[in-house]
Amino acid sequence: VITLDLDVRGRVVKQDGYAAVMKGPV
């Protein structure tokens, strides 16, 4: 068994006075 734990914390991405949220690749 292989177990993998990736970092899917919510991330805030900012650009030119705007912000967006990503969770992992989504």
mmCIF file of all heavy atoms, coordinates in Angstrom:
data_MODEL
# 
_entry.id   MODEL 
# 
loop_
_atom_site.group_PDB 
_atom_site.id 
_atom_site.type_symbol 
_atom_site.label_atom_id 
_atom_site.label_alt_id 
_atom_site.label_comp_id 
_atom_site.label_asym_id 
_atom_site.label_entity_id 
_atom_site.label_seq_id 
_atom_site.pdbx_PDB_ins_code 
_atom_site.Cartn_x 
_atom_site.Cartn_y 
_atom_site.Cartn_z 
_atom_site.occupancy 
_atom_site.B_iso_or_equiv 
_atom_site.pdbx_formal_charge 
_atom_site.auth_seq_id 
_atom_site.auth_comp_id 
_atom_site.auth_asym_id 
_atom_site.auth_atom_id 
_atom_site.pdbx_PDB_model_num 
ATOM 1   N N   . VAL A 1 1  ? 0.840   -1.189 0.000   1.00 0.00 ? 1  VAL A N   1 
ATOM 2   C CA  . VAL A 1 1  ? 0.000   0.000  0.000   1.00 0.00 ? 1  VAL A CA  1 
ATOM 3   C C   . VAL A 1 1  ? 0.886   1.254  0.000   1.00 0.00 ? 1  VAL A C   1 
ATOM 4   O O   . VAL A 1 1  ? 1.800   1.383  0.817   1.00 0.00 ? 1  VAL A O   1 
ATOM 5   C CB  . VAL A 1 1  ? -0.941  0.030  1.220   1.00 0.00 ? 1  VAL A CB  1 
ATOM 6   C CG1 . VAL A 1 1  ? -1.670  1.371  1.318   1.00 0.00 ? 1  VAL A CG1 1 
ATOM 7   C CG2 . VAL A 1 1  ? -1.946  -1.116 1.130   1.00 0.00 ? 1  VAL A CG2 1 
ATOM 8   N N   . ILE A 1 2  ? 0.601   2.147  -0.917  1.00 0.00 ? 2  ILE A N   1 
ATOM 9   C CA  . ILE A 1 2  ? 1.233   3.466  -0.948  1.00 0.00 ? 2  ILE A CA  1 
ATOM 10  C C   . ILE A 1 2  ? 0.216   4.474  -0.432  1.00 0.00 ? 2  ILE A C   1 
ATOM 11  O O   . ILE A 1 2  ? -0.942  4.481  -0.879  1.00 0.00 ? 2  ILE A O   1 
ATOM 12  C CB  . ILE A 1 2  ? 1.652   3.872  -2.370  1.00 0.00 ? 2  ILE A CB  1 
ATOM 13  C CG1 . ILE A 1 2  ? 2.560   2.829  -3.002  1.00 0.00 ? 2  ILE A CG1 1 
ATOM 14  C CG2 . ILE A 1 2  ? 2.332   5.241  -2.364  1.00 0.00 ? 2  ILE A CG2 1 
ATOM 15  C CD1 . ILE A 1 2  ? 2.840   3.083  -4.476  1.00 0.00 ? 2  ILE A CD1 1 
ATOM 16  N N   . THR A 1 3  ? 0.626   5.317  0.490   1.00 0.00 ? 3  THR A N   1 
ATOM 17  C CA  . THR A 1 3  ? -0.230  6.417  0.930   1.00 0.00 ? 3  THR A CA  1 
ATOM 18  C C   . THR A 1 3  ? 0.459   7.729  0.578   1.00 0.00 ? 3  THR A C   1 
ATOM 19  O O   . THR A 1 3  ? 1.666   7.890  0.767   1.00 0.00 ? 3  THR A O   1 
ATOM 20  C CB  . THR A 1 3  ? -0.501  6.354  2.446   1.00 0.00 ? 3  THR A CB  1 
ATOM 21  O OG1 . THR A 1 3  ? 0.721   6.265  3.157   1.00 0.00 ? 3  THR A OG1 1 
ATOM 22  C CG2 . THR A 1 3  ? -1.389  5.173  2.780   1.00 0.00 ? 3  THR A CG2 1 
ATOM 23  N N   . LEU A 1 4  ? -0.324  8.626  0.061   1.00 0.00 ? 4  LEU A N   1 
ATOM 24  C CA  . LEU A 1 4  ? 0.160   9.942  -0.364  1.00 0.00 ? 4  LEU A CA  1 
ATOM 25  C C   . LEU A 1 4  ? -0.742  10.995 0.249   1.00 0.00 ? 4  LEU A C   1 
ATOM 26  O O   . LEU A 1 4  ? -1.973  10.866 0.213   1.00 0.00 ? 4  LEU A O   1 
ATOM 27  C CB  . LEU A 1 4  ? 0.123   10.031 -1.900  1.00 0.00 ? 4  LEU A CB  1 
ATOM 28  C CG  . LEU A 1 4  ? 0.351   11.383 -2.565  1.00 0.00 ? 4  LEU A CG  1 
ATOM 29  C CD1 . LEU A 1 4  ? 1.728   11.941 -2.237  1.00 0.00 ? 4  LEU A CD1 1 
ATOM 30  C CD2 . LEU A 1 4  ? 0.181   11.254 -4.089  1.00 0.00 ? 4  LEU A CD2 1 
ATOM 31  N N   . ASP A 1 5  ? -0.145  12.009 0.834   1.00 0.00 ? 5  ASP A N   1 
ATOM 32  C CA  . ASP A 1 5  ? -0.920  13.098 1.428   1.00 0.00 ? 5  ASP A CA  1 
ATOM 33  C C   . ASP A 1 5  ? -0.459  14.404 0.793   1.00 0.00 ? 5  ASP A C   1 
ATOM 34  O O   . ASP A 1 5  ? 0.683   14.829 0.969   1.00 0.00 ? 5  ASP A O   1 
ATOM 35  C CB  . ASP A 1 5  ? -0.711  13.142 2.948   1.00 0.00 ? 5  ASP A CB  1 
ATOM 36  C CG  . ASP A 1 5  ? -1.810  13.928 3.655   1.00 0.00 ? 5  ASP A CG  1 
ATOM 37  O OD1 . ASP A 1 5  ? -2.621  14.572 2.958   1.00 0.00 ? 5  ASP A OD1 1 
ATOM 38  O OD2 . ASP A 1 5  ? -1.856  13.909 4.891   1.00 0.00 ? 5  ASP A OD2 1 
ATOM 39  N N   . LEU A 1 6  ? -1.337  15.017 -0.001  1.00 0.00 ? 6  LEU A N   1 
ATOM 40  C CA  . LEU A 1 6  ? -1.032  16.269 -0.685  1.00 0.00 ? 6  LEU A CA  1 
ATOM 41  C C   . LEU A 1 6  ? -1.655  17.446 0.061   1.00 0.00 ? 6  LEU A C   1 
ATOM 42  O O   . LEU A 1 6  ? -2.625  17.291 0.801   1.00 0.00 ? 6  LEU A O   1 
ATOM 43  C CB  . LEU A 1 6  ? -1.549  16.230 -2.131  1.00 0.00 ? 6  LEU A CB  1 
ATOM 44  C CG  . LEU A 1 6  ? -0.930  15.161 -3.033  1.00 0.00 ? 6  LEU A CG  1 
ATOM 45  C CD1 . LEU A 1 6  ? -1.590  15.173 -4.401  1.00 0.00 ? 6  LEU A CD1 1 
ATOM 46  C CD2 . LEU A 1 6  ? 0.572   15.358 -3.166  1.00 0.00 ? 6  LEU A CD2 1 
ATOM 47  N N   . ASP A 1 7  ? -1.108  18.616 -0.153  1.00 0.00 ? 7  ASP A N   1 
ATOM 48  C CA  . ASP A 1 7  ? -1.504  19.832 0.550   1.00 0.00 ? 7  ASP A CA  1 
ATOM 49  C C   . ASP A 1 7  ? -2.625  20.534 -0.217  1.00 0.00 ? 7  ASP A C   1 
ATOM 50  O O   . ASP A 1 7  ? -2.374  21.274 -1.163  1.00 0.00 ? 7  ASP A O   1 
ATOM 51  C CB  . ASP A 1 7  ? -0.288  20.749 0.679   1.00 0.00 ? 7  ASP A CB  1 
ATOM 52  C CG  . ASP A 1 7  ? -0.542  21.963 1.539   1.00 0.00 ? 7  ASP A CG  1 
ATOM 53  O OD1 . ASP A 1 7  ? -1.699  22.170 1.951   1.00 0.00 ? 7  ASP A OD1 1 
ATOM 54  O OD2 . ASP A 1 7  ? 0.424   22.711 1.793   1.00 0.00 ? 7  ASP A OD2 1 
ATOM 55  N N   . VAL A 1 8  ? -3.868  20.280 0.175   1.00 0.00 ? 8  VAL A N   1 
ATOM 56  C CA  . VAL A 1 8  ? -5.007  20.861 -0.535  1.00 0.00 ? 8  VAL A CA  1 
ATOM 57  C C   . VAL A 1 8  ? -5.675  21.965 0.291   1.00 0.00 ? 8  VAL A C   1 
ATOM 58  O O   . VAL A 1 8  ? -6.870  22.227 0.148   1.00 0.00 ? 8  VAL A O   1 
ATOM 59  C CB  . VAL A 1 8  ? -6.035  19.785 -0.934  1.00 0.00 ? 8  VAL A CB  1 
ATOM 60  C CG1 . VAL A 1 8  ? -5.456  18.814 -1.936  1.00 0.00 ? 8  VAL A CG1 1 
ATOM 61  C CG2 . VAL A 1 8  ? -6.556  19.037 0.288   1.00 0.00 ? 8  VAL A CG2 1 
ATOM 62  N N   . ARG A 1 9  ? -4.894  22.642 1.138   1.00 0.00 ? 9  ARG A N   1 
ATOM 63  C CA  . ARG A 1 9  ? -5.440  23.793 1.858   1.00 0.00 ? 9  ARG A CA  1 
ATOM 64  C C   . ARG A 1 9  ? -5.954  24.835 0.869   1.00 0.00 ? 9  ARG A C   1 
ATOM 65  O O   . ARG A 1 9  ? -5.432  24.979 -0.242  1.00 0.00 ? 9  ARG A O   1 
ATOM 66  C CB  . ARG A 1 9  ? -4.363  24.423 2.740   1.00 0.00 ? 9  ARG A CB  1 
ATOM 67  C CG  . ARG A 1 9  ? -3.950  23.623 3.950   1.00 0.00 ? 9  ARG A CG  1 
ATOM 68  C CD  . ARG A 1 9  ? -2.805  24.314 4.665   1.00 0.00 ? 9  ARG A CD  1 
ATOM 69  N NE  . ARG A 1 9  ? -1.582  24.313 3.868   1.00 0.00 ? 9  ARG A NE  1 
ATOM 70  C CZ  . ARG A 1 9  ? -0.495  25.026 4.179   1.00 0.00 ? 9  ARG A CZ  1 
ATOM 71  N NH1 . ARG A 1 9  ? -0.498  25.810 5.249   1.00 0.00 ? 9  ARG A NH1 1 
ATOM 72  N NH2 . ARG A 1 9  ? 0.591   24.949 3.416   1.00 0.00 ? 9  ARG A NH2 1 
ATOM 73  N N   . GLY A 1 10 ? -6.978  25.581 1.281   1.00 0.00 ? 10 GLY A N   1 
ATOM 74  C CA  . GLY A 1 10 ? -7.474  26.666 0.446   1.00 0.00 ? 10 GLY A CA  1 
ATOM 75  C C   . GLY A 1 10 ? -6.397  27.722 0.263   1.00 0.00 ? 10 GLY A C   1 
ATOM 76  O O   . GLY A 1 10 ? -5.763  28.158 1.226   1.00 0.00 ? 10 GLY A O   1 
ATOM 77  N N   . ARG A 1 11 ? -6.182  28.142 -0.966  1.00 0.00 ? 11 ARG A N   1 
ATOM 78  C CA  . ARG A 1 11 ? -5.164  29.137 -1.281  1.00 0.00 ? 11 ARG A CA  1 
ATOM 79  C C   . ARG A 1 11 ? -5.817  30.366 -1.893  1.00 0.00 ? 11 ARG A C   1 
ATOM 80  O O   . ARG A 1 11 ? -6.694  30.245 -2.764  1.00 0.00 ? 11 ARG A O   1 
ATOM 81  C CB  . ARG A 1 11 ? -4.133  28.593 -2.272  1.00 0.00 ? 11 ARG A CB  1 
ATOM 82  C CG  . ARG A 1 11 ? -3.563  27.262 -1.902  1.00 0.00 ? 11 ARG A CG  1 
ATOM 83  C CD  . ARG A 1 11 ? -2.375  26.854 -2.765  1.00 0.00 ? 11 ARG A CD  1 
ATOM 84  N NE  . ARG A 1 11 ? -2.589  26.924 -4.183  1.00 0.00 ? 11 ARG A NE  1 
ATOM 85  C CZ  . ARG A 1 11 ? -3.236  26.025 -4.911  1.00 0.00 ? 11 ARG A CZ  1 
ATOM 86  N NH1 . ARG A 1 11 ? -3.789  24.970 -4.320  1.00 0.00 ? 11 ARG A NH1 1 
ATOM 87  N NH2 . ARG A 1 11 ? -3.358  26.158 -6.213  1.00 0.00 ? 11 ARG A NH2 1 
ATOM 88  N N   . VAL A 1 12 ? -5.387  31.531 -1.469  1.00 0.00 ? 12 VAL A N   1 
ATOM 89  C CA  . VAL A 1 12 ? -5.860  32.778 -2.060  1.00 0.00 ? 12 VAL A CA  1 
ATOM 90  C C   . VAL A 1 12 ? -4.856  33.217 -3.120  1.00 0.00 ? 12 VAL A C   1 
ATOM 91  O O   . VAL A 1 12 ? -3.654  33.313 -2.852  1.00 0.00 ? 12 VAL A O   1 
ATOM 92  C CB  . VAL A 1 12 ? -6.025  33.878 -0.997  1.00 0.00 ? 12 VAL A CB  1 
ATOM 93  C CG1 . VAL A 1 12 ? -6.431  35.190 -1.655  1.00 0.00 ? 12 VAL A CG1 1 
ATOM 94  C CG2 . VAL A 1 12 ? -7.069  33.462 0.029   1.00 0.00 ? 12 VAL A CG2 1 
ATOM 95  N N   . VAL A 1 13 ? -5.351  33.451 -4.313  1.00 0.00 ? 13 VAL A N   1 
ATOM 96  C CA  . VAL A 1 13 ? -4.534  33.928 -5.428  1.00 0.00 ? 13 VAL A CA  1 
ATOM 97  C C   . VAL A 1 13 ? -4.953  35.362 -5.720  1.00 0.00 ? 13 VAL A C   1 
ATOM 98  O O   . VAL A 1 13 ? -6.151  35.643 -5.847  1.00 0.00 ? 13 VAL A O   1 
ATOM 99  C CB  . VAL A 1 13 ? -4.736  33.047 -6.679  1.00 0.00 ? 13 VAL A CB  1 
ATOM 100 C CG1 . VAL A 1 13 ? -3.863  33.530 -7.827  1.00 0.00 ? 13 VAL A CG1 1 
ATOM 101 C CG2 . VAL A 1 13 ? -4.460  31.585 -6.353  1.00 0.00 ? 13 VAL A CG2 1 
ATOM 102 N N   . LYS A 1 14 ? -3.983  36.278 -5.816  1.00 0.00 ? 14 LYS A N   1 
ATOM 103 C CA  . LYS A 1 14 ? -4.310  37.686 -6.006  1.00 0.00 ? 14 LYS A CA  1 
ATOM 104 C C   . LYS A 1 14 ? -3.736  38.211 -7.309  1.00 0.00 ? 14 LYS A C   1 
ATOM 105 O O   . LYS A 1 14 ? -2.670  37.795 -7.752  1.00 0.00 ? 14 LYS A O   1 
ATOM 106 C CB  . LYS A 1 14 ? -3.783  38.512 -4.839  1.00 0.00 ? 14 LYS A CB  1 
ATOM 107 C CG  . LYS A 1 14 ? -4.441  38.179 -3.501  1.00 0.00 ? 14 LYS A CG  1 
ATOM 108 C CD  . LYS A 1 14 ? -4.073  39.189 -2.429  1.00 0.00 ? 14 LYS A CD  1 
ATOM 109 C CE  . LYS A 1 14 ? -4.819  38.892 -1.136  1.00 0.00 ? 14 LYS A CE  1 
ATOM 110 N NZ  . LYS A 1 14 ? -4.619  39.949 -0.115  1.00 0.00 ? 14 LYS A NZ  1 
ATOM 111 N N   . GLN A 1 15 ? -4.480  39.134 -7.901  1.00 0.00 ? 15 GLN A N   1 
ATOM 112 C CA  . GLN A 1 15 ? -4.018  39.769 -9.134  1.00 0.00 ? 15 GLN A CA  1 
ATOM 113 C C   . GLN A 1 15 ? -4.758  41.079 -9.352  1.00 0.00 ? 15 GLN A C   1 
ATOM 114 O O   . GLN A 1 15 ? -5.985  41.095 -9.431  1.00 0.00 ? 15 GLN A O   1 
ATOM 115 C CB  . GLN A 1 15 ? -4.235  38.844 -10.343 1.00 0.00 ? 15 GLN A CB  1 
ATOM 116 C CG  . GLN A 1 15 ? -3.786  39.451 -11.661 1.00 0.00 ? 15 GLN A CG  1 
ATOM 117 C CD  . GLN A 1 15 ? -3.804  38.450 -12.800 1.00 0.00 ? 15 GLN A CD  1 
ATOM 118 O OE1 . GLN A 1 15 ? -3.294  37.338 -12.666 1.00 0.00 ? 15 GLN A OE1 1 
ATOM 119 N NE2 . GLN A 1 15 ? -4.387  38.832 -13.921 1.00 0.00 ? 15 GLN A NE2 1 
ATOM 120 N N   . ASP A 1 16 ? -4.001  42.180 -9.406  1.00 0.00 ? 16 ASP A N   1 
ATOM 121 C CA  . ASP A 1 16 ? -4.528  43.488 -9.809  1.00 0.00 ? 16 ASP A CA  1 
ATOM 122 C C   . ASP A 1 16 ? -5.788  43.897 -9.051  1.00 0.00 ? 16 ASP A C   1 
ATOM 123 O O   . ASP A 1 16 ? -6.764  44.356 -9.655  1.00 0.00 ? 16 ASP A O   1 
ATOM 124 C CB  . ASP A 1 16 ? -4.815  43.500 -11.312 1.00 0.00 ? 16 ASP A CB  1 
ATOM 125 C CG  . ASP A 1 16 ? -3.560  43.297 -12.137 1.00 0.00 ? 16 ASP A CG  1 
ATOM 126 O OD1 . ASP A 1 16 ? -2.472  43.635 -11.650 1.00 0.00 ? 16 ASP A OD1 1 
ATOM 127 O OD2 . ASP A 1 16 ? -3.675  42.778 -13.265 1.00 0.00 ? 16 ASP A OD2 1 
ATOM 128 N N   . GLY A 1 17 ? -5.790  43.725 -7.723  1.00 0.00 ? 17 GLY A N   1 
ATOM 129 C CA  . GLY A 1 17 ? -6.939  44.149 -6.934  1.00 0.00 ? 17 GLY A CA  1 
ATOM 130 C C   . GLY A 1 17 ? -8.071  43.151 -6.889  1.00 0.00 ? 17 GLY A C   1 
ATOM 131 O O   . GLY A 1 17 ? -9.169  43.465 -6.417  1.00 0.00 ? 17 GLY A O   1 
ATOM 132 N N   . TYR A 1 18 ? -7.825  41.957 -7.373  1.00 0.00 ? 18 TYR A N   1 
ATOM 133 C CA  . TYR A 1 18 ? -8.820  40.881 -7.329  1.00 0.00 ? 18 TYR A CA  1 
ATOM 134 C C   . TYR A 1 18 ? -8.226  39.706 -6.567  1.00 0.00 ? 18 TYR A C   1 
ATOM 135 O O   . TYR A 1 18 ? -6.999  39.557 -6.471  1.00 0.00 ? 18 TYR A O   1 
ATOM 136 C CB  . TYR A 1 18 ? -9.213  40.425 -8.733  1.00 0.00 ? 18 TYR A CB  1 
ATOM 137 C CG  . TYR A 1 18 ? -9.948  41.457 -9.546  1.00 0.00 ? 18 TYR A CG  1 
ATOM 138 C CD1 . TYR A 1 18 ? -9.257  42.423 -10.277 1.00 0.00 ? 18 TYR A CD1 1 
ATOM 139 C CD2 . TYR A 1 18 ? -11.339 41.469 -9.579  1.00 0.00 ? 18 TYR A CD2 1 
ATOM 140 C CE1 . TYR A 1 18 ? -9.938  43.373 -11.027 1.00 0.00 ? 18 TYR A CE1 1 
ATOM 141 C CE2 . TYR A 1 18 ? -12.028 42.412 -10.329 1.00 0.00 ? 18 TYR A CE2 1 
ATOM 142 C CZ  . TYR A 1 18 ? -11.317 43.355 -11.040 1.00 0.00 ? 18 TYR A CZ  1 
ATOM 143 O OH  . TYR A 1 18 ? -11.990 44.295 -11.780 1.00 0.00 ? 18 TYR A OH  1 
ATOM 144 N N   . ALA A 1 19 ? -9.079  38.841 -6.061  1.00 0.00 ? 19 ALA A N   1 
ATOM 145 C CA  . ALA A 1 19 ? -8.637  37.642 -5.357  1.00 0.00 ? 19 ALA A CA  1 
ATOM 146 C C   . ALA A 1 19 ? -9.517  36.465 -5.756  1.00 0.00 ? 19 ALA A C   1 
ATOM 147 O O   . ALA A 1 19 ? -10.715 36.630 -6.030  1.00 0.00 ? 19 ALA A O   1 
ATOM 148 C CB  . ALA A 1 19 ? -8.683  37.846 -3.844  1.00 0.00 ? 19 ALA A CB  1 
ATOM 149 N N   . ALA A 1 20 ? -8.918  35.293 -5.807  1.00 0.00 ? 20 ALA A N   1 
ATOM 150 C CA  . ALA A 1 20 ? -9.646  34.062 -6.100  1.00 0.00 ? 20 ALA A CA  1 
ATOM 151 C C   . ALA A 1 20 ? -9.175  32.989 -5.130  1.00 0.00 ? 20 ALA A C   1 
ATOM 152 O O   . ALA A 1 20 ? -8.126  33.122 -4.486  1.00 0.00 ? 20 ALA A O   1 
ATOM 153 C CB  . ALA A 1 20 ? -9.416  33.620 -7.537  1.00 0.00 ? 20 ALA A CB  1 
ATOM 154 N N   . VAL A 1 21 ? -9.957  31.927 -5.010  1.00 0.00 ? 21 VAL A N   1 
ATOM 155 C CA  . VAL A 1 21 ? -9.657  30.844 -4.067  1.00 0.00 ? 21 VAL A CA  1 
ATOM 156 C C   . VAL A 1 21 ? -9.500  29.542 -4.843  1.00 0.00 ? 21 VAL A C   1 
ATOM 157 O O   . VAL A 1 21 ? -10.303 29.229 -5.726  1.00 0.00 ? 21 VAL A O   1 
ATOM 158 C CB  . VAL A 1 21 ? -10.768 30.700 -3.011  1.00 0.00 ? 21 VAL A CB  1 
ATOM 159 C CG1 . VAL A 1 21 ? -10.437 29.559 -2.043  1.00 0.00 ? 21 VAL A CG1 1 
ATOM 160 C CG2 . VAL A 1 21 ? -10.967 32.008 -2.250  1.00 0.00 ? 21 VAL A CG2 1 
ATOM 161 N N   . MET A 1 22 ? -8.451  28.786 -4.493  1.00 0.00 ? 22 MET A N   1 
ATOM 162 C CA  . MET A 1 22 ? -8.245  27.458 -5.060  1.00 0.00 ? 22 MET A CA  1 
ATOM 163 C C   . MET A 1 22 ? -8.134  26.446 -3.931  1.00 0.00 ? 22 MET A C   1 
ATOM 164 O O   . MET A 1 22 ? -7.639  26.766 -2.843  1.00 0.00 ? 22 MET A O   1 
ATOM 165 C CB  . MET A 1 22 ? -6.980  27.410 -5.913  1.00 0.00 ? 22 MET A CB  1 
ATOM 166 C CG  . MET A 1 22 ? -7.013  28.288 -7.141  1.00 0.00 ? 22 MET A CG  1 
ATOM 167 S SD  . MET A 1 22 ? -5.633  27.949 -8.286  1.00 0.00 ? 22 MET A SD  1 
ATOM 168 C CE  . MET A 1 22 ? -6.149  26.364 -8.978  1.00 0.00 ? 22 MET A CE  1 
ATOM 169 N N   . LYS A 1 23 ? -8.588  25.238 -4.208  1.00 0.00 ? 23 LYS A N   1 
ATOM 170 C CA  . LYS A 1 23 ? -8.392  24.106 -3.294  1.00 0.00 ? 23 LYS A CA  1 
ATOM 171 C C   . LYS A 1 23 ? -7.722  23.009 -4.097  1.00 0.00 ? 23 LYS A C   1 
ATOM 172 O O   . LYS A 1 23 ? -8.347  22.391 -4.970  1.00 0.00 ? 23 LYS A O   1 
ATOM 173 C CB  . LYS A 1 23 ? -9.705  23.617 -2.702  1.00 0.00 ? 23 LYS A CB  1 
ATOM 174 C CG  . LYS A 1 23 ? -9.491  22.488 -1.682  1.00 0.00 ? 23 LYS A CG  1 
ATOM 175 C CD  . LYS A 1 23 ? -10.750 22.189 -0.929  1.00 0.00 ? 23 LYS A CD  1 
ATOM 176 C CE  . LYS A 1 23 ? -10.554 21.023 0.041   1.00 0.00 ? 23 LYS A CE  1 
ATOM 177 N NZ  . LYS A 1 23 ? -9.530  21.291 1.057   1.00 0.00 ? 23 LYS A NZ  1 
ATOM 178 N N   . GLY A 1 24 ? -6.443  22.778 -3.812  1.00 0.00 ? 24 GLY A N   1 
ATOM 179 C CA  . GLY A 1 24 ? -5.699  21.860 -4.653  1.00 0.00 ? 24 GLY A CA  1 
ATOM 180 C C   . GLY A 1 24 ? -5.688  22.387 -6.076  1.00 0.00 ? 24 GLY A C   1 
ATOM 181 O O   . GLY A 1 24 ? -5.400  23.559 -6.321  1.00 0.00 ? 24 GLY A O   1 
ATOM 182 N N   . PRO A 1 25 ? -6.036  21.543 -7.055  1.00 0.00 ? 25 PRO A N   1 
ATOM 183 C CA  . PRO A 1 25 ? -6.051  21.995 -8.450  1.00 0.00 ? 25 PRO A CA  1 
ATOM 184 C C   . PRO A 1 25 ? -7.349  22.703 -8.846  1.00 0.00 ? 25 PRO A C   1 
ATOM 185 O O   . PRO A 1 25 ? -7.473  23.163 -9.982  1.00 0.00 ? 25 PRO A O   1 
ATOM 186 C CB  . PRO A 1 25 ? -5.922  20.681 -9.225  1.00 0.00 ? 25 PRO A CB  1 
ATOM 187 C CG  . PRO A 1 25 ? -6.647  19.696 -8.357  1.00 0.00 ? 25 PRO A CG  1 
ATOM 188 C CD  . PRO A 1 25 ? -6.346  20.105 -6.927  1.00 0.00 ? 25 PRO A CD  1 
ATOM 189 N N   . VAL A 1 26 ? -8.309  22.771 -7.927  1.00 0.00 ? 26 VAL A N   1 
ATOM 190 C CA  . VAL A 1 26 ? -9.659  23.218 -8.275  1.00 0.00 ? 26 VAL A CA  1 
ATOM 191 C C   . VAL A 1 26 ? -9.857  24.689 -7.936  1.00 0.00 ? 26 VAL A C   1 
ATOM 192 O O   . VAL A 1 26 ? -9.597  25.128 -6.813  1.00 0.00 ? 26 VAL A O   1 
ATOM 193 C CB  . VAL A 1 26 ? -10.717 22.359 -7.555  1.00 0.00 ? 26 VAL A CB  1 
ATOM 194 C CG1 . VAL A 1 26 ? -12.121 22.901 -7.788  1.00 0.00 ? 26 VAL A CG1 1 
ATOM 195 C CG2 . VAL A 1 26 ? -10.630 20.909 -8.026  1.00 0.00 ? 26 VAL A CG2 1 
# 
